């Protein structure tokens, strides 16, 4: 099974899917006088990316000021419009062959701590990450946000490794195969005899 139900009595875990979270984002200029204007951003579903060891309660006391990294998990039907019916990219995403996206299967009612089930698979865009404090996350869970399920060990490691790979990408000015093509073209030009000037 890809998921196991969340245990509300245990610490949060990497790869855990939660619903109903919000975070605040400043939308006013930094140099404006007075308090900044904030936008409230709602996340129907999110997956926790912070490592489980950084979420552990130590001596019965959680580190409420520590940061928790999350990524929005969009239900498939709400994510599809952004691809503009590009079937080639969609096929890559669904097979987890696109570096920017992670595709997660739907979780069933039996895998959900609240016995709802998601009903649809998830599209995760590694660009859509956000951070809230552990204290704020625990508070939101206490007033209505929900812990649903956790990815199984191998599925969690797969998500974490693909996210780490996305962050560690290196953009080359010219790819290696293009370098080789340019080098071959240059060699052909060098081997050609000079044009005659006797016109």
Protein backbone atom coordinates (compact mmCIF):
# COMPACT_ATOMS: atom_id res chain seq x y z
CA UNK A 1 0.00 0.00 0.00
CA UNK A 2 1.19 3.50 -0.85
CA UNK A 3 -0.36 5.02 2.30
CA UNK A 4 -1.03 4.31 5.95
CA UNK A 5 -3.55 6.30 8.02
CA UNK A 6 -2.12 9.16 10.08
CA UNK A 7 -1.85 8.69 13.82
CA UNK A 8 -2.98 11.86 15.57
CA UNK A 9 -1.16 10.79 18.74
CA UNK A 10 2.22 10.61 17.00
CA UNK A 11 4.55 13.27 15.64
CA UNK A 12 4.06 14.63 12.15
CA UNK A 13 6.03 12.85 9.43
CA UNK A 14 7.68 13.59 6.13
CA UNK A 15 5.35 12.50 3.35
CA UNK A 16 2.21 13.08 5.42
CA UNK A 17 -0.80 14.51 3.62
CA UNK A 18 -2.77 17.16 5.48
CA UNK A 19 -5.76 19.25 4.45
CA UNK A 20 -7.19 22.64 5.32
CA UNK A 21 -3.96 24.57 5.95
CA UNK A 22 -3.46 28.28 5.27
CA UNK A 23 -0.42 30.50 5.22
CA UNK A 24 0.09 34.25 5.04
CA UNK A 25 2.06 36.00 2.30
CA UNK A 26 3.00 39.73 2.29
CA UNK A 27 1.62 41.54 -0.74
CA UNK A 28 2.57 45.14 0.06
CA UNK A 29 5.97 46.77 -0.64
CA UNK A 30 8.58 46.24 2.05
CA UNK A 31 9.24 49.96 2.43
CA UNK A 32 5.62 50.92 3.02
CA UNK A 33 4.93 52.59 6.36
CA UNK A 34 2.95 50.65 8.93
CA UNK A 35 2.02 46.99 8.99
CA UNK A 36 2.40 44.92 5.79
CA UNK A 37 -0.69 43.82 3.91
CA UNK A 38 -1.07 40.05 3.95
CA UNK A 39 -2.77 37.62 1.61
CA UNK A 40 -4.33 34.48 3.08
CA UNK A 41 -3.50 31.50 0.87
CA UNK A 42 -5.59 28.35 1.33
CA UNK A 43 -4.24 24.87 0.63
CA UNK A 44 -6.90 22.16 0.28
CA UNK A 45 -4.13 19.51 0.50
CA UNK A 46 -0.42 19.70 1.29
CA UNK A 47 2.36 17.19 1.74
CA UNK A 48 5.06 17.63 4.38
CA UNK A 49 8.61 17.73 2.98
CA UNK A 50 10.54 18.41 6.18
CA UNK A 51 12.37 15.33 7.40
CA UNK A 52 10.62 13.37 10.13
CA UNK A 53 13.60 13.67 12.49
CA UNK A 54 13.14 17.46 12.50
CA UNK A 55 9.49 17.09 13.52
CA UNK A 56 10.06 14.83 16.51
CA UNK A 57 8.90 16.00 19.92
CA UNK A 58 11.87 15.89 22.30
CA UNK A 59 11.30 15.31 26.01
CA UNK A 60 7.60 15.85 25.42
CA UNK A 61 8.12 19.40 24.09
CA UNK A 62 7.84 20.24 20.36
CA UNK A 63 10.08 22.95 18.92
CA UNK A 64 7.21 25.28 18.07
CA UNK A 65 9.44 27.86 16.38
CA UNK A 66 11.02 25.41 13.93
CA UNK A 67 10.03 25.74 10.29
CA UNK A 68 8.04 23.11 8.39
CA UNK A 69 8.40 22.90 4.62
CA UNK A 70 5.27 21.87 2.74
CA UNK A 71 4.23 21.60 -0.88
CA UNK A 72 0.70 22.02 -2.15
CA UNK A 73 -0.82 18.78 -3.42
CA UNK A 74 -3.43 19.60 -6.04
CA UNK A 75 -6.20 17.19 -6.86
CA UNK A 76 -5.89 16.06 -10.46
CA UNK A 77 -8.98 17.82 -11.81
CA UNK A 78 -7.90 21.17 -10.38
CA UNK A 79 -4.31 20.75 -11.67
CA UNK A 80 -5.10 19.74 -15.26
CA UNK A 81 -5.94 23.24 -16.64
CA UNK A 82 -2.37 24.46 -16.09
CA UNK A 83 -1.10 21.93 -18.65
CA UNK A 84 -3.36 23.23 -21.45
CA UNK A 85 -4.09 19.67 -22.63
CA UNK A 86 -0.41 19.05 -23.34
CA UNK A 87 -0.65 15.27 -23.40
CA UNK A 88 3.10 14.75 -23.74
CA UNK A 89 3.89 16.59 -20.48
CA UNK A 90 0.89 15.05 -18.72
CA UNK A 91 2.13 11.60 -19.64
CA UNK A 92 5.57 12.47 -18.22
CA UNK A 93 4.01 13.79 -15.00
CA UNK A 94 1.79 10.75 -14.47
CA UNK A 95 4.81 8.47 -14.88
CA UNK A 96 6.95 10.68 -12.59
CA UNK A 97 9.33 11.38 -15.47
CA UNK A 98 9.10 15.17 -15.27
CA UNK A 99 11.60 16.71 -12.78
CA UNK A 100 9.28 19.51 -11.67
CA UNK A 101 6.27 17.38 -10.73
CA UNK A 102 5.41 14.43 -8.52
CA UNK A 103 2.34 12.33 -9.17
CA UNK A 104 0.73 10.61 -6.18
CA UNK A 105 -2.05 8.06 -6.42
CA UNK A 106 -5.34 8.73 -4.66
CA UNK A 107 -5.69 7.47 -1.09
CA UNK A 108 -8.67 5.30 -0.23
CA UNK A 109 -11.08 5.64 2.69
CA UNK A 110 -9.29 2.73 4.39
CA UNK A 111 -5.96 4.58 4.10
CA UNK A 112 -7.43 7.83 5.47
CA UNK A 113 -7.48 8.49 9.22
CA UNK A 114 -10.83 10.27 8.68
CA UNK A 115 -12.22 7.58 6.35
CA UNK A 116 -12.92 10.06 3.54
CA UNK A 117 -10.47 9.13 0.81
CA UNK A 118 -9.21 11.71 -1.65
CA UNK A 119 -11.21 10.48 -4.65
CA UNK A 120 -8.54 11.73 -7.07
CA UNK A 121 -4.77 11.44 -7.54
CA UNK A 122 -2.51 14.38 -6.70
CA UNK A 123 -0.21 16.57 -8.76
CA UNK A 124 2.65 18.11 -6.77
CA UNK A 125 4.52 21.06 -8.26
CA UNK A 126 7.91 21.40 -6.56
CA UNK A 127 7.81 25.14 -7.25
CA UNK A 128 4.75 25.56 -5.05
CA UNK A 129 6.36 25.17 -1.65
CA UNK A 130 5.67 27.19 1.48
CA UNK A 131 6.87 27.32 5.07
CA UNK A 132 5.00 27.72 8.34
CA UNK A 133 6.19 27.23 11.88
CA UNK A 134 5.54 23.94 13.64
CA UNK A 135 3.57 25.82 16.29
CA UNK A 136 1.29 27.36 13.66
CA UNK A 137 0.85 24.00 11.95
CA UNK A 138 -0.11 22.28 15.20
CA UNK A 139 -2.50 25.12 16.02
CA UNK A 140 -4.25 24.84 12.65
CA UNK A 141 -4.57 21.10 13.14
CA UNK A 142 -6.22 21.75 16.49
CA UNK A 143 -8.90 24.01 14.99
CA UNK A 144 -9.91 22.18 11.83
CA UNK A 145 -7.04 21.19 9.56
CA UNK A 146 -6.74 17.41 9.24
CA UNK A 147 -4.01 14.78 9.09
CA UNK A 148 -5.05 12.12 6.59
CA UNK A 149 -2.33 9.63 5.75
CA UNK A 150 1.40 9.06 5.38
CA UNK A 151 3.28 7.77 2.38
CA UNK A 152 4.84 4.34 2.88
CA UNK A 153 8.60 4.29 3.44
CA UNK A 154 9.70 3.72 -0.15
CA UNK A 155 7.12 6.13 -1.54
CA UNK A 156 8.22 8.77 0.97
CA UNK A 157 11.86 8.31 0.04
CA UNK A 158 10.94 8.50 -3.63
CA UNK A 159 9.20 11.85 -3.06
CA UNK A 160 12.09 13.21 -0.97
CA UNK A 161 14.76 12.14 -3.46
CA UNK A 162 12.89 13.63 -6.42
CA UNK A 163 12.39 16.92 -4.56
CA UNK A 164 16.10 17.00 -3.64
CA UNK A 165 16.99 16.29 -7.27
CA UNK A 166 14.76 19.15 -8.43
CA UNK A 167 16.53 21.56 -6.07
CA UNK A 168 19.99 20.34 -7.09
CA UNK A 169 19.50 20.74 -10.85
CA UNK A 170 22.32 22.55 -12.66
CA UNK A 171 21.44 24.61 -15.71
CA UNK A 172 24.14 24.32 -18.37
CA UNK A 173 24.60 27.09 -20.95
CA UNK A 174 24.84 24.39 -23.63
CA UNK A 175 23.96 20.71 -23.09
CA UNK A 176 26.63 18.09 -23.75
CA UNK A 177 24.96 16.71 -26.88
CA UNK A 178 24.69 20.24 -28.24
CA UNK A 179 28.38 20.83 -27.47
CA UNK A 180 29.23 17.74 -29.50
CA UNK A 181 27.06 18.90 -32.40
CA UNK A 182 28.72 22.31 -32.38
CA UNK A 183 32.15 20.74 -32.19
CA UNK A 184 31.42 18.53 -35.21
CA UNK A 185 30.21 21.52 -37.20
CA UNK A 186 33.32 23.49 -36.28
CA UNK A 187 35.55 20.57 -37.33
CA UNK A 188 33.84 20.38 -40.71
CA UNK A 189 34.38 24.09 -41.26
CA UNK A 190 38.05 23.86 -40.31
CA UNK A 191 38.65 20.94 -42.69
CA UNK A 192 37.19 22.81 -45.68
CA UNK A 193 39.84 24.45 -47.90
CA UNK A 194 39.83 28.23 -48.01
CA UNK A 195 37.82 29.83 -50.78
CA UNK A 196 39.85 30.96 -53.77
CA UNK A 197 40.38 34.69 -54.10
CA UNK A 198 41.17 34.42 -57.82
CA UNK A 199 37.86 35.75 -59.13
